[in-house]
């Protein structure tokens, strides 16, 4: 019994140590979604995802001991915007982290999704804003039986400040002015 417990403790210790060593390579797509929801512009969004107190970015992809600065760049084609989140690994090498796709599907309706780069996230890692509605109905198991089913509902992001910002008629696509080793202190 003691031998089994000792082996379990050693394995657990190795696992925890391994997890701590790799915890530097972390960018929260869910956190980025929350910051995008709060931001009034892409410039402000870039600041939010790079502010340490927001706990969104803890990437050190080039292993230099410093958290990598995430830049934001937007592309626009008709009713679709693509926002690219990336970081400089050195003076010339850029690593994409994720893309945010926004599509306006009606006058006051837009959908959004964040897709993590498959070099950093598992294949098809997609984050979308959603709400849960509860549908209930009476089942055939008896007069007082009913079942509750959660249903995922697509969220209209049209009224998010940053979405309104990129769809403003005078909007000019954004490209971060920051580069390798040239970024603000936040």
Protein backbone atom coordinates (compact mmCIF):
# COMPACT_ATOMS: atom_id res chain seq x y z
CA UNK A 1 0.00 0.00 0.00
CA UNK A 2 2.80 2.45 0.95
CA UNK A 3 4.74 1.56 -2.20
CA UNK A 4 1.67 2.23 -4.40
CA UNK A 5 1.04 5.55 -2.65
CA UNK A 6 4.71 6.56 -3.09
CA UNK A 7 4.59 5.80 -6.82
CA UNK A 8 1.35 7.80 -7.15
CA UNK A 9 2.93 10.80 -5.37
CA UNK A 10 6.02 10.68 -7.61
CA UNK A 11 3.89 10.49 -10.78
CA UNK A 12 1.66 13.31 -9.55
CA UNK A 13 4.73 15.44 -8.73
CA UNK A 14 6.20 14.88 -12.19
CA UNK A 15 2.86 15.73 -13.81
CA UNK A 16 2.46 18.94 -11.81
CA UNK A 17 6.04 19.99 -12.54
CA UNK A 18 5.55 19.33 -16.27
CA UNK A 19 2.35 21.36 -16.26
CA UNK A 20 4.10 24.29 -14.59
CA UNK A 21 6.93 24.25 -17.12
CA UNK A 22 4.47 24.48 -20.01
CA UNK A 23 2.11 27.02 -18.47
CA UNK A 24 3.95 29.88 -20.23
CA UNK A 25 2.40 29.02 -23.58
CA UNK A 26 -1.14 30.17 -22.97
CA UNK A 27 -3.54 32.55 -24.70
CA UNK A 28 -7.18 32.44 -23.62
CA UNK A 29 -9.51 32.54 -26.60
CA UNK A 30 -12.47 32.81 -24.21
CA UNK A 31 -10.79 35.74 -22.48
CA UNK A 32 -10.11 37.39 -25.84
CA UNK A 33 -13.81 37.04 -26.67
CA UNK A 34 -14.73 38.79 -23.40
CA UNK A 35 -12.22 41.60 -24.05
CA UNK A 36 -13.53 42.01 -27.62
CA UNK A 37 -17.04 42.32 -26.22
CA UNK A 38 -15.89 45.17 -23.91
CA UNK A 39 -13.59 47.05 -26.31
CA UNK A 40 -14.69 50.18 -28.15
CA UNK A 41 -12.07 49.83 -30.90
CA UNK A 42 -9.47 47.38 -32.17
CA UNK A 43 -6.74 49.52 -30.62
CA UNK A 44 -8.44 49.20 -27.23
CA UNK A 45 -8.95 45.46 -27.80
CA UNK A 46 -5.20 45.07 -28.45
CA UNK A 47 -4.48 46.88 -25.20
CA UNK A 48 -6.96 44.70 -23.27
CA UNK A 49 -5.50 41.39 -24.46
CA UNK A 50 -1.96 42.53 -23.64
CA UNK A 51 -2.70 44.01 -20.21
CA UNK A 52 -1.29 41.58 -17.64
CA UNK A 53 -4.11 42.14 -15.12
CA UNK A 54 -6.68 40.80 -17.62
CA UNK A 55 -4.99 37.35 -17.60
CA UNK A 56 -5.58 36.73 -21.31
CA UNK A 57 -2.03 36.43 -22.62
CA UNK A 58 0.76 34.38 -21.08
CA UNK A 59 2.50 33.37 -24.32
CA UNK A 60 6.25 33.00 -24.62
CA UNK A 61 6.52 31.26 -27.98
CA UNK A 62 10.13 32.29 -28.61
CA UNK A 63 11.29 31.20 -25.11
CA UNK A 64 12.98 34.51 -24.31
CA UNK A 65 11.47 34.66 -20.81
CA UNK A 66 9.12 37.54 -21.68
CA UNK A 67 5.41 37.45 -22.44
CA UNK A 68 4.91 37.94 -26.18
CA UNK A 69 3.03 41.05 -27.29
CA UNK A 70 -0.06 40.19 -29.38
CA UNK A 71 -0.68 42.48 -32.35
CA UNK A 72 -4.06 43.04 -33.99
CA UNK A 73 -4.65 43.52 -37.70
CA UNK A 74 -7.96 43.70 -39.52
CA UNK A 75 -8.98 42.80 -43.05
CA UNK A 76 -12.30 43.73 -44.63
CA UNK A 77 -14.25 42.39 -47.57
CA UNK A 78 -17.84 43.54 -48.06
CA UNK A 79 -19.84 42.40 -44.98
CA UNK A 80 -17.04 40.30 -43.49
CA UNK A 81 -14.18 41.36 -41.22
CA UNK A 82 -11.26 39.15 -40.25
CA UNK A 83 -9.14 40.22 -37.30
CA UNK A 84 -5.77 38.51 -37.03
CA UNK A 85 -4.07 38.13 -33.66
CA UNK A 86 -0.36 37.40 -33.99
CA UNK A 87 3.02 37.88 -32.34
CA UNK A 88 6.56 38.48 -33.51
CA UNK A 89 8.93 35.63 -32.68
CA UNK A 90 11.91 37.68 -33.88
CA UNK A 91 12.43 40.71 -36.13
CA UNK A 92 11.07 38.95 -39.22
CA UNK A 93 9.01 35.94 -38.07
CA UNK A 94 5.33 36.35 -37.21
CA UNK A 95 3.23 33.61 -35.58
CA UNK A 96 -0.55 33.81 -35.94
CA UNK A 97 -2.36 33.05 -32.70
CA UNK A 98 -6.01 33.24 -33.73
CA UNK A 99 -8.45 34.91 -36.10
CA UNK A 100 -11.73 36.57 -35.30
CA UNK A 101 -14.31 36.40 -38.06
CA UNK A 102 -17.29 38.75 -38.03
CA UNK A 103 -20.04 38.57 -40.59
CA UNK A 104 -22.93 40.98 -40.89
CA UNK A 105 -25.88 38.89 -42.03
CA UNK A 106 -28.65 41.49 -41.80
CA UNK A 107 -29.09 45.21 -41.19
CA UNK A 108 -28.65 44.85 -37.42
CA UNK A 109 -27.40 41.28 -37.05
CA UNK A 110 -23.83 39.99 -37.01
CA UNK A 111 -22.20 36.73 -35.92
CA UNK A 112 -18.68 36.24 -34.62
CA UNK A 113 -16.26 33.40 -33.97
CA UNK A 114 -12.66 33.10 -32.83
CA UNK A 115 -10.60 30.29 -34.30
CA UNK A 116 -7.32 29.30 -32.70
CA UNK A 117 -4.35 28.64 -34.97
CA UNK A 118 -3.96 24.86 -35.25
CA UNK A 119 -0.20 25.17 -34.59
CA UNK A 120 -1.10 26.26 -31.04
CA UNK A 121 -4.56 24.80 -30.44
CA UNK A 122 -6.14 21.50 -31.32
CA UNK A 123 -7.73 21.26 -34.74
CA UNK A 124 -10.96 23.27 -35.15
CA UNK A 125 -10.74 25.14 -31.84
CA UNK A 126 -13.54 27.64 -32.32
CA UNK A 127 -15.04 29.93 -29.68
CA UNK A 128 -18.38 31.60 -30.31
CA UNK A 129 -20.52 33.78 -28.08
CA UNK A 130 -23.69 31.97 -27.11
CA UNK A 131 -26.58 31.97 -24.70
CA UNK A 132 -28.40 29.00 -23.28
CA UNK A 133 -32.17 28.84 -23.42
CA UNK A 134 -34.07 26.16 -21.60
CA UNK A 135 -36.83 24.33 -23.40
CA UNK A 136 -39.13 22.15 -21.40
CA UNK A 137 -41.85 19.81 -22.46
CA UNK A 138 -44.05 17.19 -20.89
CA UNK A 139 -42.67 13.72 -21.40
CA UNK A 140 -44.68 10.58 -21.94
CA UNK A 141 -43.58 9.14 -18.60
CA UNK A 142 -46.44 10.52 -16.58
CA UNK A 143 -48.72 13.52 -16.02
CA UNK A 144 -46.26 15.52 -13.91
CA UNK A 145 -43.09 14.51 -15.78
CA UNK A 146 -41.32 17.04 -17.87
CA UNK A 147 -37.86 17.26 -19.30
CA UNK A 148 -35.63 20.28 -19.58
CA UNK A 149 -33.28 20.59 -22.53
CA UNK A 150 -30.64 23.30 -22.77
CA UNK A 151 -30.47 24.78 -26.26
CA UNK A 152 -27.46 26.77 -27.51
CA UNK A 153 -28.60 30.05 -29.05
CA UNK A 154 -26.53 32.13 -31.48
CA UNK A 155 -25.81 35.62 -30.14
CA UNK A 156 -26.29 38.73 -32.22
CA UNK A 157 -23.04 40.67 -31.68
CA UNK A 158 -24.16 43.67 -33.75
CA UNK A 159 -24.52 45.87 -30.66
CA UNK A 160 -21.06 45.13 -29.23
CA UNK A 161 -19.07 48.40 -29.36
CA UNK A 162 -16.13 46.95 -31.31
CA UNK A 163 -18.45 45.37 -33.91
CA UNK A 164 -20.22 48.71 -34.40
CA UNK A 165 -16.74 50.29 -34.69
CA UNK A 166 -15.58 48.03 -37.54
CA UNK A 167 -18.88 48.40 -39.41
CA UNK A 168 -18.95 52.19 -39.16
CA UNK A 169 -19.08 53.71 -42.67
CA UNK A 170 -15.86 55.68 -42.07
CA UNK A 171 -13.94 52.71 -40.61
CA UNK A 172 -10.41 52.25 -41.90
CA UNK A 173 -8.83 48.82 -41.39
CA UNK A 174 -6.57 48.64 -38.34
CA UNK A 175 -3.00 47.42 -38.28
CA UNK A 176 -1.10 47.53 -35.04
CA UNK A 177 1.81 50.00 -35.10
CA UNK A 178 3.80 47.74 -32.76
CA UNK A 179 6.54 45.34 -33.83
CA UNK A 180 9.33 43.16 -32.46
CA UNK A 181 10.60 44.71 -29.20
CA UNK A 182 8.67 47.90 -29.99
CA UNK A 183 5.47 47.88 -27.98
CA UNK A 184 3.91 49.75 -25.05
CA UNK A 185 4.66 48.73 -21.46
CA UNK A 186 1.23 47.29 -20.73
